[in-house]
Every structure is written in C-alpha cells, then in structure tokens.
Amino acid sequence: MMKKFLSTYHSPLLVIVVGMGLFGLVMVYSASTYVSFENTGEYYSYGLRQGIWWLVAFAAFLLASLFPFTAYKKLLPFIVGITVLLLLLVFIPQLGEERNSATRWLKIGPILIQPSEIAKLTVPLYISYILVQKRTQLHDFKKGIMPSLIIVLVIAALILLQPDLGTVISILIAYLAMLLVGKIKLKHVILLGMSGIGAVALLAIISPYRLERLTSFSAPFDDPLNGGYQLIQSLSAISIGGLTGTGLGNSIMKMGFLPEAHTDFIIAVIAEELGIFGIGAVIIGFFALLLVGYQIFSKCPHPVGKLLAIGITAQIAGQACMNLAAAVGLMPITGIPLPLISYGGASLVITMTMLGVLMNVARYTHYQNKLETKETYETTRPFYRTI
C-alpha cells in the first residue's frame, strides 16, 4: 500500500525537496552555532529549532500534496481575506513586532506569524483562478488584467509598508510569469514590467535606507564600515572558501563577522565551508527545481494547475536568484532568505507548502494519465475523489 501510494509522487521533486531541505538543515546548524551560543548559551539551539520547523514544514508539504488544488477555488475569498487582514494587523502596535527596523511579524501569544510569507502562496493561488476565469478577456487590460492586478497591488503595498521590498519583487516576478503563461498581450507584460521597475527605482530614491542599499552594493568599499560592510564580509567568506572550502563547521566569518550568517547570507557560509562545490550544489539544486517545475507545468492538462505550477516555480526560483545575487554583489541586499536553506520557520513552512501544491499538480497529471490509459477509476478515486 505504501509503495503504491509513494508511486503517485513525482520522484524528482520529492528528491529535491527532501535533499535540499536536509542540506539546509545541516547548514543552518553549522552557520548558527555562534549566534545560537550568544543568544541562548547553547550551540545547537537554533539548529534544533530549525529541525522542529523542518518536521512541521514537511508535514505541511505532505498535506498540501494530498489536498486537491481544484478545491482551493471555494476557499479563495477566505484565503485572500485572511492574508490581507493579517497584513493589516501587523501595523497594530500591540500585535506587530519590530525587528531590524522592519515590522513584518504578527505576535499572537507565543506564536509569531509572518503574513508576507503567507502572501507568497496566496498570490499564485488567486492569480491562477482569476486568469482562467478571465481567459477570454485577457486581451483587454481593463477587463482581463485589472481584477488580478488590483489584488496584487493591495498585497504588495501592505508588504512594502513593513518595509519588505524583496518579498514584493519576488511576488511580482511570479505574477508576471503567470501573466506570460496566461498569454496576455506582450505589450501589457512590458508595460507592467517597466512600471514595476520604475516603482522600485522611485521607492529606492525617496527612501534613504533603500538608497543606501542600492548604492552600497555597487561600491561596497566606499563605505566599508556601514553600508558596504555586510557585502564585504560575504565576499570575504566566499574568497576564503575557495574551491573546496575550509570544511563543514569551520567558518570564521559566522563568528560575529558576517551579520545574518544563518539567514540571508547562509550561502556565504556554505561557500566558506564547502567552497565552490557547495555553491555549485545549491545552484544545481535550484536549477533542477526550475526544470522540474517547468516539466510539471508543461504536462499538466488543467489550466489552473499549469498556472499554479509556473507561479510557484517562478516565485521560489526568483527568490533564490535574488538571494544569491545579493550575496555576491550583483544586486542590492533585499533581506530575502534562500528558500529551503536559510534559517526561519515561517519561510520554510510556506516554501514547503508551495512545493506541496506543486506536487499535487504533478499527482493530478499522474492520475489523468492513468485514466487516459483506461486504468480503472477505482484505482485513483481514493486520492482525487473531489476533482
């Protein structure tokens, strides 16, 4: 029975999820020993906490892989409403918690929720259904695109106020990818893309904090003790690692020299300890995920499933590219974590849930192929009775 059940899972995706997740768990433990000891008096506290979150995230992955993506349609008003409500509650002083000059967390008793992470899943779910619903009107910007654009802009504006520009950019990347797959007019995609770039540039110019990050990444050594410090330390860690690295657990830069070594800049610690081979493994992992996501998209016969597959893939791949590019100075530091690898329970749970939805799309295709080859309906009914 278990063998039959596992045979319904997309093997390459399952290997990527488990493999990269466990690799990230090992690297979080290694990268967090110093900060963990500083804050808790134990070297393993952060690693243990991430391990517990990984188990929760994997459970979320399994549940999402079993829940038919076609059933989200009835839940969408609730999902979107809850997401917007949580994003608004962040700004209530008694509920919102500020960290590093950003109010991105909602504290309810002992529980911390990061609504912007939830939005990463909400947007692909909503957009996939609204684009299919409007598929005969996508040539008309007002009737076909505006309904989805309004919701995306409301969510993006609330996240931007936290402020969290990195998450906004990753959401917009997924949105534009889904619009392209939805076959809207190319001029509309270009218009939206240029508008997004212009808005980001304007926000950077009018905000001293963002402007500093924009200028420091291009010339970090002009301000080595302030704006350019984090990038310089990241580049130093990468250069120390060289080809083969200093060995797992032997990073020097994580000893208080590199800020956010276990979160936003964990790739620098990977480079220092495992060398170019470590960075190569991470890049290959995300490239494999991109290929698998595209394969699931191309084979899925359901229009909503296709859009979900490309939206989730673009969201995760875009976030990974932004994190890696920031760590080596190819783009400004946005404070966005490396999916599946960086420390952080909220990010890990949402990423794994998104991958669970992607797995469900793959399983749907698997069952449809079985039905087309005249396999009995009873073989598939227990898993997809609601489709």
Protein backbone atom coordinates (compact mmCIF):
# COMPACT_ATOMS: atom_id res chain seq x y z
CA MET A 1 0.00 0.00 0.00
CA MET A 2 2.78 2.45 0.93
CA LYS A 3 4.70 1.60 -2.24
CA LYS A 4 1.58 2.20 -4.31
CA PHE A 5 0.97 5.49 -2.51
CA LEU A 6 4.55 6.71 -2.99
CA SER A 7 4.41 5.78 -6.66
CA THR A 8 1.93 8.62 -7.14
CA TYR A 9 4.54 11.19 -6.10
CA HIS A 10 6.77 12.96 -8.59
CA SER A 11 10.10 11.37 -7.67
CA PRO A 12 12.48 14.15 -8.87
CA LEU A 13 10.52 16.81 -6.99
CA LEU A 14 10.40 14.68 -3.84
CA VAL A 15 14.18 14.12 -4.01
CA ILE A 16 14.81 17.86 -4.45
CA VAL A 17 12.53 18.82 -1.56
CA VAL A 18 13.98 16.29 0.88
CA GLY A 19 17.58 16.64 -0.32
CA MET A 20 17.73 20.44 -0.29
CA GLY A 21 15.72 20.61 2.92
CA LEU A 22 18.09 18.30 4.81
CA PHE A 23 21.12 20.06 3.33
CA GLY A 24 19.69 23.38 4.52
CA LEU A 25 19.12 21.92 7.98
CA VAL A 26 22.76 20.87 8.25
CA MET A 27 24.00 24.25 7.05
CA VAL A 28 21.68 26.19 9.38
CA TYR A 29 23.11 24.26 12.32
CA SER A 30 26.65 24.96 11.17
CA ALA A 31 26.05 28.64 10.38
CA SER A 32 24.12 29.38 13.59
CA THR A 33 26.37 27.89 16.29
CA TYR A 34 27.96 31.21 17.24
CA VAL A 35 24.78 33.32 17.29
CA SER A 36 22.94 30.46 18.98
CA PHE A 37 25.50 30.36 21.81
CA GLU A 38 25.46 34.15 22.10
CA ASN A 39 21.67 34.26 22.49
CA THR A 40 20.85 31.02 24.30
CA GLY A 41 24.09 29.66 25.76
CA GLU A 42 23.76 26.50 23.64
CA TYR A 43 25.45 25.87 20.30
CA TYR A 44 22.65 23.70 18.95
CA SER A 45 19.55 25.73 19.95
CA TYR A 46 18.91 27.35 16.56
CA GLY A 47 19.69 24.13 14.71
CA LEU A 48 17.29 22.18 16.93
CA ARG A 49 14.58 24.80 16.45
CA GLN A 50 15.05 24.67 12.68
CA GLY A 51 14.85 20.87 12.83
CA ILE A 52 11.45 21.08 14.53
CA TRP A 53 10.29 23.59 11.94
CA TRP A 54 11.53 21.26 9.19
CA LEU A 55 9.31 18.47 10.51
CA VAL A 56 6.34 20.87 10.60
CA ALA A 57 7.19 22.08 7.09
CA PHE A 58 7.46 18.54 5.74
CA ALA A 59 4.06 17.71 7.26
CA ALA A 60 2.67 20.81 5.51
CA PHE A 61 4.28 19.62 2.27
CA LEU A 62 2.58 16.21 2.56
CA LEU A 63 -0.81 17.73 3.43
CA ALA A 64 -0.64 20.19 0.53
CA SER A 65 0.38 17.39 -1.83
CA LEU A 66 -2.74 15.44 -0.83
CA PHE A 67 -5.21 18.36 -0.92
CA PRO A 68 -6.60 18.73 -4.47
CA PHE A 69 -5.62 22.10 -5.94
CA THR A 70 -9.04 22.27 -7.61
CA ALA A 71 -10.62 22.56 -4.15
CA TYR A 72 -8.93 25.93 -3.45
CA LYS A 73 -11.46 27.71 -5.68
CA LYS A 74 -14.14 27.77 -2.97
CA LEU A 75 -11.60 28.83 -0.34
CA LEU A 76 -10.07 31.74 -2.29
CA PRO A 77 -12.20 34.58 -0.83
CA PHE A 78 -11.33 33.35 2.66
CA ILE A 79 -7.61 32.89 1.85
CA VAL A 80 -7.26 36.35 0.26
CA GLY A 81 -9.29 37.99 3.03
CA ILE A 82 -7.26 36.39 5.82
CA THR A 83 -3.99 37.33 4.09
CA VAL A 84 -4.98 41.00 3.75
CA LEU A 85 -6.28 41.06 7.33
CA LEU A 86 -3.04 39.62 8.72
CA LEU A 87 -1.01 42.13 6.71
CA LEU A 88 -3.08 44.94 8.23
CA LEU A 89 -2.83 43.58 11.78
CA VAL A 90 0.97 43.83 11.58
CA PHE A 91 0.64 47.62 11.90
CA ILE A 92 -1.25 47.46 15.19
CA PRO A 93 1.40 48.25 17.87
CA GLN A 94 0.11 45.64 20.32
CA LEU A 95 0.29 42.87 17.71
CA GLY A 96 3.08 43.80 15.28
CA GLU A 97 6.66 43.03 16.31
CA GLU A 98 9.56 45.08 15.00
CA ARG A 99 12.92 43.53 14.19
CA ASN A 100 15.84 45.20 12.42
CA SER A 101 13.76 48.34 11.73
CA ALA A 102 11.03 46.30 9.99
CA THR A 103 7.59 45.32 11.27
CA ARG A 104 6.96 42.06 9.45
CA TRP A 105 5.83 39.79 12.27
CA LEU A 106 2.50 39.32 13.98
CA LYS A 107 2.74 38.17 17.59
CA ILE A 108 -0.24 36.22 18.90
CA GLY A 109 0.69 34.92 22.34
CA PRO A 110 3.85 32.80 21.95
CA ILE A 111 3.27 32.40 18.20
CA LEU A 112 5.00 34.58 15.59
CA ILE A 113 3.37 34.80 12.14
CA GLN A 114 4.91 36.46 9.10
CA PRO A 115 1.95 37.43 6.87
CA SER A 116 4.18 38.41 3.94
CA GLU A 117 5.27 34.77 3.68
CA ILE A 118 1.63 33.67 3.51
CA ALA A 119 1.12 36.17 0.67
CA LYS A 120 3.70 34.28 -1.40
CA LEU A 121 1.27 31.36 -1.57
CA THR A 122 -1.93 33.43 -1.72
CA VAL A 123 -0.94 35.33 -4.86
CA PRO A 124 -0.27 32.29 -7.12
CA LEU A 125 -3.46 30.60 -5.86
CA TYR A 126 -5.60 33.66 -6.56
CA ILE A 127 -3.99 34.63 -9.86
CA SER A 128 -4.23 31.11 -11.30
CA TYR A 129 -8.00 31.05 -10.84
CA ILE A 130 -8.73 34.64 -11.82
CA LEU A 131 -6.70 34.36 -15.05
CA VAL A 132 -8.53 31.18 -16.05
CA GLN A 133 -11.84 32.83 -15.20
CA LYS A 134 -10.92 35.84 -17.37
CA ARG A 135 -9.16 33.84 -20.09
CA THR A 136 -11.47 35.08 -22.87
CA GLN A 137 -10.83 38.71 -21.85
CA LEU A 138 -7.06 38.71 -21.33
CA HIS A 139 -6.59 40.80 -24.47
CA ASP A 140 -8.44 43.62 -22.67
CA PHE A 141 -6.28 45.24 -19.97
CA LYS A 142 -9.23 46.68 -18.05
CA LYS A 143 -11.43 43.60 -18.01
CA GLY A 144 -8.85 40.83 -18.16
CA ILE A 145 -5.87 42.06 -16.13
CA MET A 146 -7.11 44.77 -13.75
CA PRO A 147 -9.09 42.38 -11.47
CA SER A 148 -5.92 40.42 -10.65
CA LEU A 149 -3.65 43.46 -10.67
CA ILE A 150 -5.70 45.29 -8.03
CA ILE A 151 -5.38 42.44 -5.52
CA VAL A 152 -1.66 42.06 -6.22
CA LEU A 153 -1.05 45.79 -5.78
CA VAL A 154 -3.01 45.89 -2.49
CA ILE A 155 -0.98 42.98 -1.09
CA ALA A 156 2.28 44.43 -2.45
CA ALA A 157 1.55 47.86 -0.94
CA LEU A 158 0.88 46.39 2.51
CA ILE A 159 4.11 44.36 2.38
CA LEU A 160 6.06 47.38 1.14
CA LEU A 161 4.94 49.40 4.16
CA GLN A 162 6.56 46.89 6.55
CA PRO A 163 9.02 47.51 4.69
CA ASP A 164 9.88 44.37 2.70
CA LEU A 165 10.85 45.23 -0.87
CA GLY A 166 12.43 41.83 -1.52
CA THR A 167 9.19 39.92 -0.96
CA VAL A 168 7.29 42.39 -3.14
CA ILE A 169 9.74 41.83 -6.00
CA SER A 170 9.52 38.03 -5.69
CA ILE A 171 5.70 38.18 -5.75
CA LEU A 172 5.74 40.43 -8.81
CA ILE A 173 8.12 38.01 -10.58
CA ALA A 174 5.62 35.19 -10.03
CA TYR A 175 2.75 37.40 -11.17
CA LEU A 176 4.47 38.42 -14.40
CA ALA A 177 5.43 34.80 -15.13
CA MET A 178 1.79 33.74 -14.74
CA LEU A 179 0.61 36.57 -16.99
CA LEU A 180 3.05 35.44 -19.68
CA VAL A 181 1.80 31.87 -19.46
CA GLY A 182 -1.76 33.20 -19.46
CA LYS A 183 -0.96 34.58 -22.92
CA ILE A 184 -1.81 38.21 -22.31
CA LYS A 185 -0.57 40.73 -24.85
CA LEU A 186 3.20 41.17 -24.75
CA LYS A 187 2.83 44.96 -24.68
CA HIS A 188 0.84 44.63 -21.45
CA VAL A 189 3.56 42.48 -19.87
CA ILE A 190 6.21 45.02 -20.92
CA LEU A 191 4.08 47.87 -19.56
CA LEU A 192 3.64 46.13 -16.20
CA GLY A 193 7.32 45.15 -16.06
CA MET A 194 8.55 48.67 -16.80
CA SER A 195 6.06 50.14 -14.32
CA GLY A 196 7.33 47.75 -11.64
CA ILE A 197 10.96 48.65 -12.31
CA GLY A 198 10.11 52.35 -12.25
CA ALA A 199 8.23 51.99 -8.97
CA VAL A 200 11.14 50.13 -7.35
CA ALA A 201 13.60 52.78 -8.54
CA LEU A 202 11.36 55.58 -7.23
CA LEU A 203 10.96 53.89 -3.85
CA ALA A 204 14.73 53.50 -3.61
CA ILE A 205 15.35 57.14 -4.43
CA ILE A 206 12.83 58.59 -1.95
CA SER A 207 13.92 56.31 0.90
CA PRO A 208 17.39 56.98 2.38
CA TYR A 209 17.51 53.42 3.74
CA ARG A 210 16.79 51.83 0.36
CA LEU A 211 19.01 54.31 -1.48
CA GLU A 212 21.92 53.39 0.78
CA ARG A 213 21.43 49.70 -0.04
CA LEU A 214 21.18 50.50 -3.75
CA THR A 215 24.42 52.45 -3.80
CA SER A 216 26.39 50.32 -1.33
CA PHE A 217 26.04 47.14 -3.40
CA SER A 218 27.65 48.81 -6.43
CA ALA A 219 30.57 50.24 -4.44
CA PRO A 220 30.76 48.49 -1.03
CA PHE A 221 34.36 49.55 -0.36
CA ASP A 222 33.36 53.22 -0.46
CA ASP A 223 31.67 52.68 2.92
CA PRO A 224 33.28 49.52 4.33
CA LEU A 225 32.15 50.01 7.95
CA ASN A 226 28.49 50.82 7.30
CA GLY A 227 26.52 50.30 4.07
CA GLY A 228 29.10 48.07 2.42
CA TYR A 229 30.09 46.04 5.50
CA GLN A 230 27.75 43.08 5.05
CA LEU A 231 28.57 42.57 1.38
CA ILE A 232 32.33 42.85 2.02
CA GLN A 233 32.11 40.20 4.73
CA SER A 234 30.08 37.96 2.42
CA LEU A 235 32.65 38.31 -0.37
CA SER A 236 35.42 37.62 2.14
CA ALA A 237 33.74 34.39 3.24
CA ILE A 238 33.39 33.27 -0.38
CA SER A 239 37.03 34.05 -1.14
CA ILE A 240 38.23 32.21 1.97
CA GLY A 241 36.34 29.08 0.91
CA GLY A 242 37.99 28.92 -2.48
CA LEU A 243 37.46 25.70 -4.41
CA THR A 244 36.96 23.11 -1.68
CA GLY A 245 36.20 25.19 1.43
CA THR A 246 37.58 25.10 4.95
CA GLY A 247 35.44 22.15 5.99
CA LEU A 248 31.94 21.80 7.45
CA GLY A 249 31.66 23.76 10.70
CA ASN A 250 34.96 25.62 10.22
CA SER A 251 33.67 29.01 9.09
CA ILE A 252 35.36 32.01 10.67
CA MET A 253 33.02 34.67 9.25
CA LYS A 254 29.99 33.25 11.09
CA MET A 255 31.73 34.10 14.38
CA GLY A 256 30.09 37.52 14.53
CA PHE A 257 31.85 38.97 11.47
CA LEU A 258 29.10 38.31 8.93
CA PRO A 259 25.66 39.62 10.00
CA GLU A 260 22.72 37.29 9.31
CA ALA A 261 25.10 34.42 8.54
CA HIS A 262 22.43 31.78 9.18
CA THR A 263 19.60 33.60 7.38
CA ASP A 264 20.05 35.97 4.42
CA PHE A 265 23.75 35.22 3.92
CA ILE A 266 23.87 31.50 4.55
CA ILE A 267 25.23 30.96 1.03
CA ALA A 268 28.41 32.81 2.09
CA VAL A 269 28.92 30.33 4.94
CA ILE A 270 28.27 27.44 2.53
CA ALA A 271 30.91 28.89 0.22
CA GLU A 272 33.40 29.32 3.06
CA GLU A 273 32.93 25.81 4.46
CA LEU A 274 32.25 23.82 1.28
CA GLY A 275 33.84 26.02 -1.35
CA ILE A 276 32.72 26.45 -4.95
CA PHE A 277 31.46 22.86 -4.87
CA GLY A 278 29.00 23.85 -2.13
CA ILE A 279 27.72 26.84 -4.11
CA GLY A 280 27.55 24.65 -7.22
CA ALA A 281 25.43 22.08 -5.41
CA VAL A 282 22.95 24.76 -4.31
CA ILE A 283 22.73 26.26 -7.81
CA ILE A 284 22.26 22.83 -9.37
CA GLY A 285 19.52 22.09 -6.84
CA PHE A 286 17.56 25.22 -7.71
CA PHE A 287 18.15 24.72 -11.43
CA ALA A 288 16.80 21.18 -11.10
CA LEU A 289 13.76 22.57 -9.26
CA LEU A 290 13.23 25.05 -12.10
CA LEU A 291 13.36 22.25 -14.69
CA VAL A 292 11.03 20.01 -12.67
CA GLY A 293 8.57 22.88 -12.17
CA TYR A 294 8.58 23.58 -15.90
CA GLN A 295 8.07 19.89 -16.65
CA ILE A 296 5.05 19.74 -14.30
CA PHE A 297 3.68 22.90 -15.92
CA SER A 298 4.10 21.58 -19.46
CA LYS A 299 2.47 18.21 -18.78
CA CYS A 300 -0.49 19.33 -16.66
CA PRO A 301 -3.76 19.27 -18.66
CA HIS A 302 -5.59 21.56 -16.21
CA PRO A 303 -5.29 25.33 -16.95
CA VAL A 304 -5.32 26.29 -13.25
CA GLY A 305 -2.71 23.61 -12.49
CA LYS A 306 -0.46 24.92 -15.26
CA LEU A 307 -0.60 28.47 -13.90
CA LEU A 308 -0.05 27.30 -10.33
CA ALA A 309 2.99 25.28 -11.38
CA ILE A 310 4.64 28.18 -13.20
CA GLY A 311 3.72 30.70 -10.48
CA ILE A 312 5.15 28.61 -7.64
CA THR A 313 8.26 27.72 -9.63
CA ALA A 314 8.89 31.35 -10.59
CA GLN A 315 8.29 32.51 -7.01
CA ILE A 316 10.84 30.13 -5.48
CA ALA A 317 13.40 30.37 -8.29
CA GLY A 318 13.15 34.17 -8.36
CA GLN A 319 13.66 34.39 -4.61
CA ALA A 320 16.69 32.09 -4.84
CA CYS A 321 18.22 34.18 -7.63
CA MET A 322 17.71 37.39 -5.65
CA ASN A 323 19.34 35.94 -2.53
CA LEU A 324 22.34 34.51 -4.40
CA ALA A 325 22.82 37.68 -6.47
CA ALA A 326 22.75 39.89 -3.36
CA ALA A 327 25.35 37.72 -1.58
CA VAL A 328 27.88 38.23 -4.38
CA GLY A 329 27.09 41.90 -5.07
CA LEU A 330 25.15 41.52 -8.31
CA MET A 331 22.09 43.28 -6.89
CA PRO A 332 21.14 45.24 -3.76
CA ILE A 333 20.63 43.38 -0.48
CA THR A 334 16.89 42.90 -0.02
CA GLY A 335 16.88 40.77 3.13
CA ILE A 336 15.14 37.87 1.44
CA PRO A 337 16.04 34.32 2.63
CA LEU A 338 17.32 31.48 0.47
CA PRO A 339 14.37 29.07 0.03
CA LEU A 340 14.74 25.68 1.76
CA ILE A 341 18.20 26.63 3.02
CA SER A 342 18.04 29.72 5.25
CA TYR A 343 17.02 29.70 8.92
CA GLY A 344 13.41 30.68 9.55
CA GLY A 345 10.30 28.69 10.36
CA ALA A 346 7.72 30.82 8.50
CA SER A 347 9.71 30.90 5.29
CA LEU A 348 10.41 27.16 5.39
CA VAL A 349 6.79 26.16 6.11
CA ILE A 350 5.36 28.36 3.33
CA THR A 351 8.01 27.26 0.81
CA MET A 352 7.36 23.59 1.57
CA THR A 353 3.58 24.17 1.39
CA MET A 354 4.02 25.77 -2.04
CA LEU A 355 6.08 22.78 -3.16
CA GLY A 356 3.34 20.52 -1.78
CA VAL A 357 0.82 22.31 -4.03
CA LEU A 358 3.24 21.82 -6.93
CA MET A 359 3.42 18.12 -6.05
CA ASN A 360 -0.38 17.96 -6.04
CA VAL A 361 -0.43 19.37 -9.58
CA ALA A 362 2.02 16.63 -10.60
CA ARG A 363 -0.13 13.98 -8.93
CA TYR A 364 -3.21 15.29 -10.73
CA THR A 365 -1.41 14.85 -14.06
CA HIS A 366 -0.37 11.33 -13.00
CA TYR A 367 -3.98 10.34 -12.31
CA GLN A 368 -5.25 11.90 -15.52
CA ASN A 369 -2.69 9.90 -17.49
CA LYS A 370 -3.89 6.74 -15.76
CA LEU A 371 -7.48 7.48 -16.68
CA GLU A 372 -6.49 8.13 -20.29
CA THR A 373 -4.80 4.72 -20.45
CA LYS A 374 -8.08 3.14 -19.28
CA GLU A 375 -6.95 2.28 -15.79
CA THR A 376 -9.97 1.77 -13.55
CA TYR A 377 -11.40 4.79 -11.80
CA GLU A 378 -11.32 2.91 -8.53
CA THR A 379 -7.51 2.94 -8.64
CA THR A 380 -7.37 6.72 -8.39
CA ARG A 381 -10.64 7.62 -6.66
CA PRO A 382 -9.34 7.50 -3.04
CA PHE A 383 -6.81 10.24 -3.75
CA TYR A 384 -8.82 12.53 -6.05
CA ARG A 385 -12.44 11.99 -5.17
CA THR A 386 -13.09 15.77 -5.08
CA ILE A 387 -11.70 16.55 -8.53
